[in-house]
Amino acid sequence: MIAAFSLVPSGGRSAREDGGVANAVAAAVEVVRESGLPNHTSSMFTEIEGSWDECMAVVKKATEAVAEYGTRVSLVLKADIRPGRTGEMTAKLERLERHIAEDSK
């Protein structure tokens, strides 16, 4: 499965004057990277790829890390569950680029 998620703390020490949450996001991304699962972080989401149990364990641990920065945490989670497939985080993009290249000919 591929899980894309976003975590945002609110309240408590997350209430920075500029509204930024970079410290909390960094704590979550550190958890993701330490997991060893294939991952990618963009400006809005972090994606991980693994089994259901692996992905949900990482999301839970990352949520707990972000919880240290506020009194509550908002989690947005989207999952692509495709049993028997691995390497789809990159394979999907490769297929997309191939189609774009073919259509531009």
PDB file of N, CA and C in Angstrom:
ATOM      1  N   MET A   1       0.834  -1.177   0.000  1.00  0.00           N
ATOM      2  CA  MET A   1       0.000   0.000   0.000  1.00  0.00           C
ATOM      3  C   MET A   1       0.877   1.237   0.000  1.00  0.00           C
ATOM      4  N   ILE A   2       0.336   2.294  -0.529  1.00  0.00           N
ATOM      5  CA  ILE A   2       0.952   3.610  -0.416  1.00  0.00           C
ATOM      6  C   ILE A   2       0.025   4.431   0.468  1.00  0.00           C
ATOM      7  N   ALA A   3       0.599   5.050   1.491  1.00  0.00           N
ATOM      8  CA  ALA A   3      -0.181   5.921   2.367  1.00  0.00           C
ATOM      9  C   ALA A   3       0.392   7.321   2.264  1.00  0.00           C
ATOM     10  N   ALA A   4      -0.470   8.268   1.974  1.00  0.00           N
ATOM     11  CA  ALA A   4      -0.087   9.680   1.961  1.00  0.00           C
ATOM     12  C   ALA A   4      -0.763  10.320   3.161  1.00  0.00           C
ATOM     13  N   PHE A   5       0.025  11.027   3.961  1.00  0.00           N
ATOM     14  CA  PHE A   5      -0.571  11.637   5.135  1.00  0.00           C
ATOM     15  C   PHE A   5       0.045  12.988   5.452  1.00  0.00           C
ATOM     16  N   SER A   6      -0.747  13.763   6.182  1.00  0.00           N
ATOM     17  CA  SER A   6      -0.337  15.089   6.628  1.00  0.00           C
ATOM     18  C   SER A   6      -0.756  15.231   8.082  1.00  0.00           C
ATOM     19  N   LEU A   7       0.155  15.732   8.905  1.00  0.00           N
ATOM     20  CA  LEU A   7      -0.108  15.925  10.324  1.00  0.00           C
ATOM     21  C   LEU A   7       0.115  17.388  10.687  1.00  0.00           C
ATOM     22  N   VAL A   8      -0.805  17.952  11.452  1.00  0.00           N
ATOM     23  CA  VAL A   8      -0.672  19.342  11.885  1.00  0.00           C
ATOM     24  C   VAL A   8      -1.089  19.440  13.344  1.00  0.00           C
ATOM     25  N   PRO A   9      -0.196  19.945  14.202  1.00  0.00           N
ATOM     26  CA  PRO A   9      -0.578  20.147  15.596  1.00  0.00           C
ATOM     27  C   PRO A   9      -1.312  21.480  15.753  1.00  0.00           C
ATOM     28  N   SER A  10      -2.073  21.582  16.810  1.00  0.00           N
ATOM     29  CA  SER A  10      -2.663  22.875  17.154  1.00  0.00           C
ATOM     30  C   SER A  10      -2.695  23.001  18.672  1.00  0.00           C
ATOM     31  N   GLY A  11      -2.786  24.252  19.134  1.00  0.00           N
ATOM     32  CA  GLY A  11      -2.778  24.512  20.560  1.00  0.00           C
ATOM     33  C   GLY A  11      -1.400  24.299  21.160  1.00  0.00           C
ATOM     34  N   GLY A  12      -1.243  24.635  22.411  1.00  0.00           N
ATOM     35  CA  GLY A  12       0.024  24.421  23.090  1.00  0.00           C
ATOM     36  C   GLY A  12       1.171  25.121  22.402  1.00  0.00           C
ATOM     37  N   ARG A  13       2.334  24.490  22.410  1.00  0.00           N
ATOM     38  CA  ARG A  13       3.525  25.134  21.849  1.00  0.00           C
ATOM     39  C   ARG A  13       3.537  25.183  20.323  1.00  0.00           C
ATOM     40  N   SER A  14       2.530  24.578  19.672  1.00  0.00           N
ATOM     41  CA  SER A  14       2.463  24.669  18.210  1.00  0.00           C
ATOM     42  C   SER A  14       1.998  26.053  17.764  1.00  0.00           C
ATOM     43  N   ALA A  15       1.442  26.811  18.673  1.00  0.00           N
ATOM     44  CA  ALA A  15       0.867  28.111  18.330  1.00  0.00           C
ATOM     45  C   ALA A  15       1.970  29.155  18.142  1.00  0.00           C
ATOM     46  N   ARG A  16       2.727  29.032  17.071  1.00  0.00           N
ATOM     47  CA  ARG A  16       3.782  29.992  16.760  1.00  0.00           C
ATOM     48  C   ARG A  16       3.178  31.239  16.144  1.00  0.00           C
ATOM     49  N   GLU A  17       3.853  32.333  16.341  1.00  0.00           N
ATOM     50  CA  GLU A  17       3.370  33.623  15.844  1.00  0.00           C
ATOM     51  C   GLU A  17       3.169  33.617  14.330  1.00  0.00           C
ATOM     52  N   ASP A  18       4.085  32.963  13.604  1.00  0.00           N
ATOM     53  CA  ASP A  18       3.982  32.940  12.144  1.00  0.00           C
ATOM     54  C   ASP A  18       3.094  31.811  11.619  1.00  0.00           C
ATOM     55  N   GLY A  19       2.546  30.998  12.519  1.00  0.00           N
ATOM     56  CA  GLY A  19       1.670  29.908  12.113  1.00  0.00           C
ATOM     57  C   GLY A  19       2.401  28.676  11.601  1.00  0.00           C
ATOM     58  N   GLY A  20       3.723  28.723  11.567  1.00  0.00           N
ATOM     59  CA  GLY A  20       4.504  27.597  11.058  1.00  0.00           C
ATOM     60  C   GLY A  20       4.500  26.394  11.985  1.00  0.00           C
ATOM     61  N   VAL A  21       4.628  25.239  11.397  1.00  0.00           N
ATOM     62  CA  VAL A  21       4.680  23.987  12.164  1.00  0.00           C
ATOM     63  C   VAL A  21       5.872  23.128  11.725  1.00  0.00           C
ATOM     64  N   ALA A  22       6.903  23.778  11.214  1.00  0.00           N
ATOM     65  CA  ALA A  22       8.046  23.040  10.661  1.00  0.00           C
ATOM     66  C   ALA A  22       8.702  22.114  11.677  1.00  0.00           C
ATOM     67  N   ASN A  23       8.805  22.524  12.924  1.00  0.00           N
ATOM     68  CA  ASN A  23       9.433  21.671  13.933  1.00  0.00           C
ATOM     69  C   ASN A  23       8.645  20.379  14.132  1.00  0.00           C
ATOM     70  N   ALA A  24       7.339  20.496  14.191  1.00  0.00           N
ATOM     71  CA  ALA A  24       6.492  19.320  14.363  1.00  0.00           C
ATOM     72  C   ALA A  24       6.560  18.414  13.136  1.00  0.00           C
ATOM     73  N   VAL A  25       6.525  19.021  11.961  1.00  0.00           N
ATOM     74  CA  VAL A  25       6.614  18.227  10.731  1.00  0.00           C
ATOM     75  C   VAL A  25       7.969  17.524  10.655  1.00  0.00           C
ATOM     76  N   ALA A  26       9.018  18.206  11.072  1.00  0.00           N
ATOM     77  CA  ALA A  26      10.350  17.590  11.079  1.00  0.00           C
ATOM     78  C   ALA A  26      10.376  16.371  11.993  1.00  0.00           C
ATOM     79  N   ALA A  27       9.700  16.445  13.123  1.00  0.00           N
ATOM     80  CA  ALA A  27       9.649  15.299  14.038  1.00  0.00           C
ATOM     81  C   ALA A  27       8.944  14.111  13.376  1.00  0.00           C
ATOM     82  N   ALA A  28       7.872  14.382  12.644  1.00  0.00           N
ATOM     83  CA  ALA A  28       7.149  13.319  11.943  1.00  0.00           C
ATOM     84  C   ALA A  28       7.993  12.723  10.823  1.00  0.00           C
ATOM     85  N   VAL A  29       8.650  13.565  10.056  1.00  0.00           N
ATOM     86  CA  VAL A  29       9.470  13.087   8.939  1.00  0.00           C
ATOM     87  C   VAL A  29      10.652  12.262   9.462  1.00  0.00           C
ATOM     88  N   GLU A  30      11.185  12.637  10.594  1.00  0.00           N
ATOM     89  CA  GLU A  30      12.265  11.852  11.197  1.00  0.00           C
ATOM     90  C   GLU A  30      11.788  10.432  11.507  1.00  0.00           C
ATOM     91  N   VAL A  31      10.586  10.305  12.055  1.00  0.00           N
ATOM     92  CA  VAL A  31       9.996   8.991  12.323  1.00  0.00           C
ATOM     93  C   VAL A  31       9.870   8.197  11.025  1.00  0.00           C
ATOM     94  N   VAL A  32       9.376   8.861   9.984  1.00  0.00           N
ATOM     95  CA  VAL A  32       9.188   8.200   8.686  1.00  0.00           C
ATOM     96  C   VAL A  32      10.522   7.696   8.146  1.00  0.00           C
ATOM     97  N   ARG A  33      11.524   8.534   8.155  1.00  0.00           N
ATOM     98  CA  ARG A  33      12.828   8.148   7.612  1.00  0.00           C
ATOM     99  C   ARG A  33      13.474   7.032   8.420  1.00  0.00           C
ATOM    100  N   GLU A  34      13.303   7.066   9.727  1.00  0.00           N
ATOM    101  CA  GLU A  34      13.854   6.009  10.574  1.00  0.00           C
ATOM    102  C   GLU A  34      13.158   4.674  10.368  1.00  0.00           C
ATOM    103  N   SER A  35      11.948   4.694   9.818  1.00  0.00           N
ATOM    104  CA  SER A  35      11.184   3.455   9.613  1.00  0.00           C
ATOM    105  C   SER A  35      11.828   2.544   8.573  1.00  0.00           C
ATOM    106  N   GLY A  36      12.580   3.138   7.647  1.00  0.00           N
ATOM    107  CA  GLY A  36      13.182   2.352   6.580  1.00  0.00           C
ATOM    108  C   GLY A  36      12.247   2.090   5.412  1.00  0.00           C
ATOM    109  N   LEU A  37      10.996   2.508   5.509  1.00  0.00           N
ATOM    110  CA  LEU A  37      10.063   2.324   4.397  1.00  0.00           C
ATOM    111  C   LEU A  37      10.371   3.330   3.294  1.00  0.00           C
ATOM    112  N   PRO A  38      10.131   2.965   2.036  1.00  0.00           N
ATOM    113  CA  PRO A  38      10.263   3.943   0.963  1.00  0.00           C
ATOM    114  C   PRO A  38       9.365   5.134   1.291  1.00  0.00           C
ATOM    115  N   ASN A  39       9.888   6.342   1.106  1.00  0.00           N
ATOM    116  CA  ASN A  39       9.105   7.513   1.475  1.00  0.00           C
ATOM    117  C   ASN A  39       9.474   8.710   0.615  1.00  0.00           C
ATOM    118  N   HIS A  40       8.562   9.663   0.605  1.00  0.00           N
ATOM    119  CA  HIS A  40       8.767  10.926  -0.106  1.00  0.00           C
ATOM    120  C   HIS A  40       7.975  11.997   0.625  1.00  0.00           C
ATOM    121  N   THR A  41       8.603  13.116   0.893  1.00  0.00           N
ATOM    122  CA  THR A  41       7.918  14.232   1.535  1.00  0.00           C
ATOM    123  C   THR A  41       7.879  15.405   0.574  1.00  0.00           C
ATOM    124  N   SER A  42       6.691  15.964   0.399  1.00  0.00           N
ATOM    125  CA  SER A  42       6.518  17.169  -0.412  1.00  0.00           C
ATOM    126  C   SER A  42       6.069  18.299   0.510  1.00  0.00           C
ATOM    127  N   SER A  43       5.697  19.403  -0.054  1.00  0.00           N
ATOM    128  CA  SER A  43       5.310  20.553   0.757  1.00  0.00           C
ATOM    129  C   SER A  43       4.015  20.334   1.538  1.00  0.00           C
ATOM    130  N   MET A  44       3.217  19.331   1.147  1.00  0.00           N
ATOM    131  CA  MET A  44       1.928  19.142   1.813  1.00  0.00           C
ATOM    132  C   MET A  44       1.700  17.756   2.384  1.00  0.00           C
ATOM    133  N   PHE A  45       2.359  16.732   1.863  1.00  0.00           N
ATOM    134  CA  PHE A  45       2.126  15.367   2.309  1.00  0.00           C
ATOM    135  C   PHE A  45       3.429  14.591   2.394  1.00  0.00           C
ATOM    136  N   THR A  46       3.389  13.532   3.179  1.00  0.00           N
ATOM    137  CA  THR A  46       4.452  12.537   3.189  1.00  0.00           C
ATOM    138  C   THR A  46       3.830  11.235   2.712  1.00  0.00           C
ATOM    139  N   GLU A  47       4.525  10.544   1.810  1.00  0.00           N
ATOM    140  CA  GLU A  47       4.068   9.251   1.305  1.00  0.00           C
ATOM    141  C   GLU A  47       5.008   8.180   1.811  1.00  0.00           C
ATOM    142  N   ILE A  48       4.432   7.039   2.182  1.00  0.00           N
ATOM    143  CA  ILE A  48       5.222   5.872   2.560  1.00  0.00           C
ATOM    144  C   ILE A  48       4.635   4.662   1.848  1.00  0.00           C
ATOM    145  N   GLU A  49       5.467   3.644   1.668  1.00  0.00           N
ATOM    146  CA  GLU A  49       4.989   2.423   1.010  1.00  0.00           C
ATOM    147  C   GLU A  49       5.413   1.219   1.830  1.00  0.00           C
ATOM    148  N   GLY A  50       4.463   0.341   2.078  1.00  0.00           N
ATOM    149  CA  GLY A  50       4.725  -0.882   2.822  1.00  0.00           C
ATOM    150  C   GLY A  50       3.434  -1.651   3.020  1.00  0.00           C
ATOM    151  N   SER A  51       3.466  -2.598   3.937  1.00  0.00           N
ATOM    152  CA  SER A  51       2.246  -3.339   4.252  1.00  0.00           C
ATOM    153  C   SER A  51       1.312  -2.446   5.066  1.00  0.00           C
ATOM    154  N   TRP A  52       0.068  -2.889   5.177  1.00  0.00           N
ATOM    155  CA  TRP A  52      -0.920  -2.148   5.971  1.00  0.00           C
ATOM    156  C   TRP A  52      -0.376  -1.899   7.371  1.00  0.00           C
ATOM    157  N   ASP A  53       0.096  -2.956   8.024  1.00  0.00           N
ATOM    158  CA  ASP A  53       0.568  -2.831   9.406  1.00  0.00           C
ATOM    159  C   ASP A  53       1.797  -1.929   9.506  1.00  0.00           C
ATOM    160  N   GLU A  54       2.718  -2.043   8.562  1.00  0.00           N
ATOM    161  CA  GLU A  54       3.914  -1.189   8.588  1.00  0.00           C
ATOM    162  C   GLU A  54       3.536   0.284   8.442  1.00  0.00           C
ATOM    163  N   CYS A  55       2.701   0.570   7.461  1.00  0.00           N
ATOM    164  CA  CYS A  55       2.318   1.969   7.206  1.00  0.00           C
ATOM    165  C   CYS A  55       1.550   2.555   8.377  1.00  0.00           C
ATOM    166  N   MET A  56       0.582   1.809   8.909  1.00  0.00           N
ATOM    167  CA  MET A  56      -0.222   2.338  10.008  1.00  0.00           C
ATOM    168  C   MET A  56       0.625   2.528  11.268  1.00  0.00           C
ATOM    169  N   ALA A  57       1.622   1.671  11.484  1.00  0.00           N
ATOM    170  CA  ALA A  57       2.507   1.834  12.637  1.00  0.00           C
ATOM    171  C   ALA A  57       3.325   3.115  12.511  1.00  0.00           C
ATOM    172  N   VAL A  58       3.787   3.412  11.303  1.00  0.00           N
ATOM    173  CA  VAL A  58       4.560   4.639  11.081  1.00  0.00           C
ATOM    174  C   VAL A  58       3.670   5.867  11.233  1.00  0.00           C
ATOM    175  N   VAL A  59       2.465   5.824  10.682  1.00  0.00           N
ATOM    176  CA  VAL A  59       1.539   6.949  10.819  1.00  0.00           C
ATOM    177  C   VAL A  59       1.238   7.192  12.305  1.00  0.00           C
ATOM    178  N   LYS A  60       1.006   6.133  13.056  1.00  0.00           N
ATOM    179  CA  LYS A  60       0.730   6.280  14.483  1.00  0.00           C
ATOM    180  C   LYS A  60       1.919   6.903  15.211  1.00  0.00           C
ATOM    181  N   LYS A  61       3.118   6.384  14.959  1.00  0.00           N
ATOM    182  CA  LYS A  61       4.311   6.901  15.638  1.00  0.00           C
ATOM    183  C   LYS A  61       4.575   8.364  15.247  1.00  0.00           C
ATOM    184  N   ALA A  62       4.371   8.702  13.970  1.00  0.00           N
ATOM    185  CA  ALA A  62       4.554  10.084  13.522  1.00  0.00           C
ATOM    186  C   ALA A  62       3.520  10.997  14.176  1.00  0.00           C
ATOM    187  N   THR A  63       2.295  10.506  14.323  1.00  0.00           N
ATOM    188  CA  THR A  63       1.246  11.283  14.990  1.00  0.00           C
ATOM    189  C   THR A  63       1.626  11.548  16.440  1.00  0.00           C
ATOM    190  N   GLU A  64       2.158  10.544  17.099  1.00  0.00           N
ATOM    191  CA  GLU A  64       2.589  10.708  18.485  1.00  0.00           C
ATOM    192  C   GLU A  64       3.728  11.722  18.590  1.00  0.00           C
ATOM    193  N   ALA A  65       4.621  11.723  17.610  1.00  0.00           N
ATOM    194  CA  ALA A  65       5.722  12.701  17.609  1.00  0.00           C
ATOM    195  C   ALA A  65       5.190  14.123  17.454  1.00  0.00           C
ATOM    196  N   VAL A  66       4.215  14.304  16.586  1.00  0.00           N
ATOM    197  CA  VAL A  66       3.623  15.627  16.363  1.00  0.00           C
ATOM    198  C   VAL A  66       2.803  16.061  17.585  1.00  0.00           C
ATOM    199  N   ALA A  67       2.215  15.116  18.278  1.00  0.00           N
ATOM    200  CA  ALA A  67       1.397  15.434  19.456  1.00  0.00           C
ATOM    201  C   ALA A  67       2.203  16.140  20.543  1.00  0.00           C
ATOM    202  N   GLU A  68       3.511  15.965  20.513  1.00  0.00           N
ATOM    203  CA  GLU A  68       4.366  16.647  21.484  1.00  0.00           C
ATOM    204  C   GLU A  68       4.362  18.162  21.279  1.00  0.00           C
ATOM    205  N   TYR A  69       3.871  18.622  20.132  1.00  0.00           N
ATOM    206  CA  TYR A  69       3.903  20.042  19.785  1.00  0.00           C
ATOM    207  C   TYR A  69       2.576  20.756  19.970  1.00  0.00           C
ATOM    208  N   GLY A  70       1.560  20.075  20.436  1.00  0.00           N
ATOM    209  CA  GLY A  70       0.273  20.730  20.598  1.00  0.00           C
ATOM    210  C   GLY A  70      -0.651  19.946  21.500  1.00  0.00           C
ATOM    211  N   THR A  71      -1.832  20.477  21.680  1.00  0.00           N
ATOM    212  CA  THR A  71      -2.818  19.810  22.508  1.00  0.00           C
ATOM    213  C   THR A  71      -3.744  18.922  21.681  1.00  0.00           C
ATOM    214  N   ARG A  72      -3.633  19.034  20.353  1.00  0.00           N
ATOM    215  CA  ARG A  72      -4.388  18.157  19.456  1.00  0.00           C
ATOM    216  C   ARG A  72      -3.649  18.058  18.137  1.00  0.00           C
ATOM    217  N   VAL A  73      -3.991  17.030  17.357  1.00  0.00           N
ATOM    218  CA  VAL A  73      -3.343  16.789  16.068  1.00  0.00           C
ATOM    219  C   VAL A  73      -4.414  16.519  15.027  1.00  0.00           C
ATOM    220  N   SER A  74      -4.272  17.153  13.869  1.00  0.00           N
ATOM    221  CA  SER A  74      -5.134  16.876  12.726  1.00  0.00           C
ATOM    222  C   SER A  74      -4.372  15.952  11.785  1.00  0.00           C
ATOM    223  N   LEU A  75      -5.001  14.849  11.402  1.00  0.00           N
ATOM    224  CA  LEU A  75      -4.402  13.873  10.486  1.00  0.00           C
ATOM    225  C   LEU A  75      -5.265  13.753   9.246  1.00  0.00           C
ATOM    226  N   VAL A  76      -4.645  13.928   8.085  1.00  0.00           N
ATOM    227  CA  VAL A  76      -5.288  13.654   6.807  1.00  0.00           C
ATOM    228  C   VAL A  76      -4.566  12.446   6.232  1.00  0.00           C
ATOM    229  N   LEU A  77      -5.317  11.421   5.868  1.00  0.00           N
ATOM    230  CA  LEU A  77      -4.727  10.164   5.410  1.00  0.00           C
ATOM    231  C   LEU A  77      -5.433   9.687   4.151  1.00  0.00           C
ATOM    232  N   LYS A  78      -4.636   9.343   3.157  1.00  0.00           N
ATOM    233  CA  LYS A  78      -5.165   8.762   1.924  1.00  0.00           C
ATOM    234  C   LYS A  78      -4.324   7.537   1.624  1.00  0.00           C
ATOM    235  N   ALA A  79      -4.964   6.434   1.239  1.00  0.00           N
ATOM    236  CA  ALA A  79      -4.224   5.206   0.994  1.00  0.00           C
ATOM    237  C   ALA A  79      -4.628   4.579  -0.339  1.00  0.00           C
ATOM    238  N   ASP A  80      -3.638   4.035  -1.014  1.00  0.00           N
ATOM    239  CA  ASP A  80      -3.838   3.251  -2.236  1.00  0.00           C
ATOM    240  C   ASP A  80      -3.483   1.817  -1.855  1.00  0.00           C
ATOM    241  N   ILE A  81      -4.505   0.998  -1.684  1.00  0.00           N
ATOM    242  CA  ILE A  81      -4.309  -0.371  -1.212  1.00  0.00           C
ATOM    243  C   ILE A  81      -4.406  -1.301  -2.406  1.00  0.00           C
ATOM    244  N   ARG A  82      -3.280  -1.863  -2.801  1.00  0.00           N
ATOM    245  CA  ARG A  82      -3.209  -2.699  -3.992  1.00  0.00           C
ATOM    246  C   ARG A  82      -2.406  -3.952  -3.655  1.00  0.00           C
ATOM    247  N   PRO A  83      -3.063  -4.973  -3.099  1.00  0.00           N
ATOM    248  CA  PRO A  83      -2.357  -6.180  -2.648  1.00  0.00           C
ATOM    249  C   PRO A  83      -1.490  -6.790  -3.744  1.00  0.00           C
ATOM    250  N   GLY A  84      -0.323  -7.255  -3.320  1.00  0.00           N
ATOM    251  CA  GLY A  84       0.580  -7.936  -4.238  1.00  0.00           C
ATOM    252  C   GLY A  84       1.491  -7.022  -5.032  1.00  0.00           C
ATOM    253  N   ARG A  85       1.344  -5.735  -4.886  1.00  0.00           N
ATOM    254  CA  ARG A  85       2.172  -4.795  -5.642  1.00  0.00           C
ATOM    255  C   ARG A  85       3.164  -4.124  -4.700  1.00  0.00           C
ATOM    256  N   THR A  86       4.385  -3.961  -5.162  1.00  0.00           N
ATOM    257  CA  THR A  86       5.401  -3.215  -4.427  1.00  0.00           C
ATOM    258  C   THR A  86       6.104  -2.287  -5.404  1.00  0.00           C
ATOM    259  N   GLY A  87       6.782  -1.300  -4.872  1.00  0.00           N
ATOM    260  CA  GLY A  87       7.506  -0.369  -5.723  1.00  0.00           C
ATOM    261  C   GLY A  87       6.610   0.586  -6.490  1.00  0.00           C
ATOM    262  N   GLU A  88       5.370   0.702  -6.076  1.00  0.00           N
ATOM    263  CA  GLU A  88       4.411   1.517  -6.821  1.00  0.00           C
ATOM    264  C   GLU A  88       4.625   3.016  -6.640  1.00  0.00           C
ATOM    265  N   MET A  89       5.298   3.418  -5.566  1.00  0.00           N
ATOM    266  CA  MET A  89       5.542   4.851  -5.382  1.00  0.00           C
ATOM    267  C   MET A  89       6.310   5.417  -6.571  1.00  0.00           C
ATOM    268  N   THR A  90       7.254   4.678  -7.076  1.00  0.00           N
ATOM    269  CA  THR A  90       8.010   5.139  -8.242  1.00  0.00           C
ATOM    270  C   THR A  90       7.414   4.606  -9.546  1.00  0.00           C
ATOM    271  N   ALA A  91       6.885   3.400  -9.528  1.00  0.00           N
ATOM    272  CA  ALA A  91       6.351   2.803 -10.754  1.00  0.00           C
ATOM    273  C   ALA A  91       5.181   3.607 -11.317  1.00  0.00           C
ATOM    274  N   LYS A  92       4.332   4.123 -10.445  1.00  0.00           N
ATOM    275  CA  LYS A  92       3.193   4.922 -10.908  1.00  0.00           C
ATOM    276  C   LYS A  92       3.670   6.175 -11.650  1.00  0.00           C
ATOM    277  N   LEU A  93       4.706   6.804 -11.110  1.00  0.00           N
ATOM    278  CA  LEU A  93       5.246   8.000 -11.761  1.00  0.00           C
ATOM    279  C   LEU A  93       5.917   7.659 -13.085  1.00  0.00           C
ATOM    280  N   GLU A  94       6.610   6.528 -13.130  1.00  0.00           N
ATOM    281  CA  GLU A  94       7.245   6.106 -14.378  1.00  0.00           C
ATOM    282  C   GLU A  94       6.193   5.864 -15.460  1.00  0.00           C
ATOM    283  N   ARG A  95       5.083   5.209 -15.093  1.00  0.00           N
ATOM    284  CA  ARG A  95       4.006   4.975 -16.071  1.00  0.00           C
ATOM    285  C   ARG A  95       3.411   6.298 -16.541  1.00  0.00           C
ATOM    286  N   LEU A  96       3.227   7.223 -15.627  1.00  0.00           N
ATOM    287  CA  LEU A  96       2.696   8.532 -15.987  1.00  0.00           C
ATOM    288  C   LEU A  96       3.606   9.247 -16.972  1.00  0.00           C
ATOM    289  N   GLU A  97       4.899   9.287 -16.675  1.00  0.00           N
ATOM    290  CA  GLU A  97       5.862   9.961 -17.565  1.00  0.00           C
ATOM    291  C   GLU A  97       5.914   9.294 -18.937  1.00  0.00           C
ATOM    292  N   ARG A  98       5.795   7.971 -18.967  1.00  0.00           N
ATOM    293  CA  ARG A  98       5.781   7.245 -20.239  1.00  0.00           C
ATOM    294  C   ARG A  98       4.567   7.661 -21.069  1.00  0.00           C
ATOM    295  N   HIS A  99       3.417   7.774 -20.435  1.00  0.00           N
ATOM    296  CA  HIS A  99       2.201   8.185 -21.145  1.00  0.00           C
ATOM    297  C   HIS A  99       2.311   9.616 -21.639  1.00  0.00           C
ATOM    298  N   ILE A 100       2.873  10.487 -20.838  1.00  0.00           N
ATOM    299  CA  ILE A 100       3.049  11.882 -21.256  1.00  0.00           C
ATOM    300  C   ILE A 100       3.970  11.950 -22.459  1.00  0.00           C
ATOM    301  N   ALA A 101       5.068  11.197 -22.410  1.00  0.00           N
ATOM    302  CA  ALA A 101       6.029  11.186 -23.525  1.00  0.00           C
ATOM    303  C   ALA A 101       5.378  10.642 -24.796  1.00  0.00           C
ATOM    304  N   GLU A 102       4.576   9.591 -24.664  1.00  0.00           N
ATOM    305  CA  GLU A 102       3.902   8.999 -25.833  1.00  0.00           C
ATOM    306  C   GLU A 102       2.868   9.970 -26.416  1.00  0.00           C
ATOM    307  N   ASP A 103       2.149  10.657 -25.536  1.00  0.00           N
ATOM    308  CA  ASP A 103       1.132  11.598 -26.017  1.00  0.00           C
ATOM    309  C   ASP A 103       1.726  12.831 -26.687  1.00  0.00           C
ATOM    310  N   SER A 104       2.966  13.153 -26.352  1.00  0.00           N
ATOM    311  CA  SER A 104       3.580  14.353 -26.941  1.00  0.00           C
ATOM    312  C   SER A 104       4.223  14.067 -28.296  1.00  0.00           C
ATOM    313  N   LYS A 105       4.202  12.828 -28.724  1.00  0.00           N
ATOM    314  CA  LYS A 105       4.803  12.476 -30.025  1.00  0.00           C
ATOM    315  C   LYS A 105       3.861  12.751 -31.156  1.00  0.00           C
TER     316      LYS A 105
END
